[in-house]
């Protein structure tokens, strides 16, 4: 008998293999759709974030399809599981010579691009008024807190949604 985790792992492996067999076309980010998502976070002041997100993948990113698989709005995996799947996919793409030299040499850069791909997707969905708004906001907060280049976005998120940044600790 297989567990739900085993089923998810097998499904993800199958989906990643399909991505490697037939990589999807790269699609450039849609500035207007990203701007709509950013407007749900702050009324102004995020133009620099929009410019950075568009400049990061002007022709699209090889990580876009994997970001869609790993971070769908309806499902949240443990980050360790996401990294495990991403590393396996990265290694297989690298072995098949499907990555440019920069991405093939550095999983850290691959992971950053994957997170930014997911961020762009989440912002677009947020701008469309997706039903999973809280999960999208939580993911946007987490990603914006991780990268210095997204500092303006983090500060805007902290101002409008401080609950995603308030942490309480207890040693009991």
Protein backbone atom coordinates (compact mmCIF):
# COMPACT_ATOMS: atom_id res chain seq x y z
CA UNK A 1 0.00 0.00 0.00
CA UNK A 2 1.36 3.40 -0.96
CA UNK A 3 1.11 6.51 1.17
CA UNK A 4 -0.11 9.89 -0.13
CA UNK A 5 3.51 11.09 0.08
CA UNK A 6 4.66 8.20 -2.11
CA UNK A 7 1.88 8.94 -4.58
CA UNK A 8 2.83 12.64 -4.69
CA UNK A 9 6.50 11.75 -5.15
CA UNK A 10 5.72 9.42 -8.04
CA UNK A 11 3.39 11.96 -9.65
CA UNK A 12 6.03 14.69 -9.36
CA UNK A 13 8.75 12.44 -10.82
CA UNK A 14 6.47 11.60 -13.74
CA UNK A 15 5.59 15.26 -14.31
CA UNK A 16 9.26 16.30 -14.16
CA UNK A 17 10.21 13.58 -16.64
CA UNK A 18 7.52 14.89 -19.00
CA UNK A 19 8.93 18.42 -18.65
CA UNK A 20 12.38 17.16 -19.59
CA UNK A 21 11.05 15.20 -22.58
CA UNK A 22 9.12 18.14 -23.94
CA UNK A 23 10.13 21.42 -22.33
CA UNK A 24 7.38 24.03 -22.62
CA UNK A 25 7.93 27.20 -24.62
CA UNK A 26 9.33 30.10 -22.65
CA UNK A 27 6.82 32.89 -22.18
CA UNK A 28 7.91 36.37 -21.10
CA UNK A 29 6.33 37.78 -17.94
CA UNK A 30 3.28 39.96 -18.43
CA UNK A 31 4.03 43.33 -16.77
CA UNK A 32 0.35 44.34 -16.57
CA UNK A 33 -0.62 41.07 -14.85
CA UNK A 34 2.29 41.39 -12.40
CA UNK A 35 1.36 45.03 -11.74
CA UNK A 36 -2.21 43.97 -10.90
CA UNK A 37 -0.87 41.55 -8.28
CA UNK A 38 1.52 44.12 -6.85
CA UNK A 39 -1.35 46.62 -6.62
CA UNK A 40 -3.14 44.19 -4.29
CA UNK A 41 -0.15 44.51 -1.93
CA UNK A 42 0.57 48.25 -2.12
CA UNK A 43 -1.01 51.24 -3.81
CA UNK A 44 2.37 52.53 -5.01
CA UNK A 45 6.11 52.11 -4.60
CA UNK A 46 6.60 48.69 -6.16
CA UNK A 47 7.64 49.77 -9.66
CA UNK A 48 11.23 48.76 -8.93
CA UNK A 49 10.03 45.26 -7.99
CA UNK A 50 8.00 45.01 -11.19
CA UNK A 51 11.01 46.08 -13.24
CA UNK A 52 13.24 43.56 -11.46
CA UNK A 53 10.78 40.67 -11.92
CA UNK A 54 10.39 41.43 -15.63
CA UNK A 55 14.15 41.93 -16.16
CA UNK A 56 14.90 38.65 -14.36
CA UNK A 57 13.21 36.60 -17.09
CA UNK A 58 12.64 38.81 -20.16
CA UNK A 59 12.00 35.80 -22.38
CA UNK A 60 10.59 33.53 -19.69
CA UNK A 61 12.46 31.09 -17.50
CA UNK A 62 13.24 27.39 -17.73
CA UNK A 63 12.02 27.18 -14.14
CA UNK A 64 8.49 28.44 -14.86
CA UNK A 65 6.93 25.01 -15.48
CA UNK A 66 8.60 23.43 -12.46
CA UNK A 67 7.46 26.37 -10.30
CA UNK A 68 3.90 25.66 -11.41
CA UNK A 69 4.27 22.04 -10.32
CA UNK A 70 6.00 22.71 -7.00
CA UNK A 71 3.96 25.69 -5.84
CA UNK A 72 0.39 25.47 -7.08
CA UNK A 73 -2.00 27.79 -5.25
CA UNK A 74 -4.12 24.90 -3.96
CA UNK A 75 -1.30 22.82 -2.47
CA UNK A 76 1.63 23.46 -0.14
CA UNK A 77 4.51 21.02 0.17
CA UNK A 78 7.18 21.13 2.84
CA UNK A 79 10.08 23.18 1.55
CA UNK A 80 12.46 20.25 2.04
CA UNK A 81 10.28 18.20 -0.31
CA UNK A 82 10.19 21.02 -2.87
CA UNK A 83 13.98 21.28 -2.76
CA UNK A 84 14.35 17.51 -3.12
CA UNK A 85 12.18 17.47 -6.24
CA UNK A 86 13.90 20.57 -7.64
CA UNK A 87 17.39 19.11 -7.08
CA UNK A 88 16.44 15.87 -8.81
CA UNK A 89 14.95 17.77 -11.74
CA UNK A 90 17.97 20.10 -11.93
CA UNK A 91 20.38 17.14 -11.90
CA UNK A 92 18.46 15.35 -14.66
CA UNK A 93 18.25 18.53 -16.78
CA UNK A 94 21.93 19.13 -16.23
CA UNK A 95 22.79 15.57 -17.28
CA UNK A 96 20.65 16.01 -20.40
CA UNK A 97 22.41 19.34 -21.11
CA UNK A 98 19.10 21.23 -21.04
CA UNK A 99 20.40 24.11 -18.91
CA UNK A 100 22.62 27.03 -19.77
CA UNK A 101 26.09 27.07 -18.24
CA UNK A 102 25.14 29.37 -15.34
CA UNK A 103 22.19 27.25 -14.21
CA UNK A 104 23.98 23.95 -14.75
CA UNK A 105 26.84 25.12 -12.51
CA UNK A 106 24.82 26.40 -9.56
CA UNK A 107 21.73 24.87 -7.96
CA UNK A 108 21.44 27.98 -5.76
CA UNK A 109 20.86 30.14 -8.84
CA UNK A 110 18.44 27.56 -10.23
CA UNK A 111 16.48 27.61 -6.95
CA UNK A 112 16.39 31.43 -6.92
CA UNK A 113 15.04 31.50 -10.44
CA UNK A 114 12.48 28.86 -9.52
CA UNK A 115 11.32 30.89 -6.52
CA UNK A 116 11.10 34.05 -8.61
CA UNK A 117 9.14 32.13 -11.27
CA UNK A 118 6.70 31.04 -8.58
CA UNK A 119 6.56 34.61 -7.23
CA UNK A 120 5.63 35.95 -10.66
CA UNK A 121 2.94 33.29 -11.02
CA UNK A 122 1.56 34.02 -7.54
CA UNK A 123 1.42 37.75 -8.19
CA UNK A 124 -0.50 37.18 -11.44
CA UNK A 125 -2.98 34.91 -9.63
CA UNK A 126 -3.31 37.42 -6.78
CA UNK A 127 -4.10 40.15 -9.30
CA UNK A 128 -6.83 37.94 -10.76
CA UNK A 129 -8.45 37.53 -7.34
CA UNK A 130 -7.63 33.83 -6.92
CA UNK A 131 -9.58 31.95 -4.23
CA UNK A 132 -6.34 30.91 -2.46
CA UNK A 133 -5.37 34.51 -1.69
CA UNK A 134 -4.06 33.78 1.84
CA UNK A 135 -1.75 31.03 0.63
CA UNK A 136 -0.52 33.21 -2.24
CA UNK A 137 0.16 36.09 0.15
CA UNK A 138 2.02 33.78 2.54
CA UNK A 139 4.22 32.52 -0.28
CA UNK A 140 4.85 36.04 -1.56
CA UNK A 141 5.85 37.10 1.97
CA UNK A 142 8.20 34.15 2.37
CA UNK A 143 9.92 34.71 -0.96
CA UNK A 144 10.18 38.48 -0.54
CA UNK A 145 11.81 38.01 2.88
CA UNK A 146 14.45 35.72 1.39
CA UNK A 147 15.95 37.99 -1.27
CA UNK A 148 17.48 41.43 -0.70
CA UNK A 149 16.47 42.48 -4.22
CA UNK A 150 12.83 42.08 -3.17
CA UNK A 151 13.17 44.31 -0.11
CA UNK A 152 10.59 46.84 -1.34
CA UNK A 153 8.06 44.02 -1.74
CA UNK A 154 8.87 42.66 1.72
CA UNK A 155 8.37 46.06 3.33
CA UNK A 156 5.08 46.56 1.50
CA UNK A 157 3.92 43.11 2.63
CA UNK A 158 4.95 43.85 6.22
CA UNK A 159 2.95 47.09 6.15
CA UNK A 160 -0.23 45.59 4.72
CA UNK A 161 0.01 42.01 6.02
CA UNK A 162 2.13 42.00 9.19
CA UNK A 163 0.59 38.70 10.27
CA UNK A 164 2.86 36.90 7.79
CA UNK A 165 5.93 38.28 9.54
CA UNK A 166 4.92 38.22 13.23
CA UNK A 167 6.61 35.32 14.96
CA UNK A 168 6.19 34.24 18.52
CA UNK A 169 8.55 31.81 20.18
CA UNK A 170 8.19 29.78 23.31
CA UNK A 171 10.73 27.51 24.87
CA UNK A 172 8.04 25.54 26.71
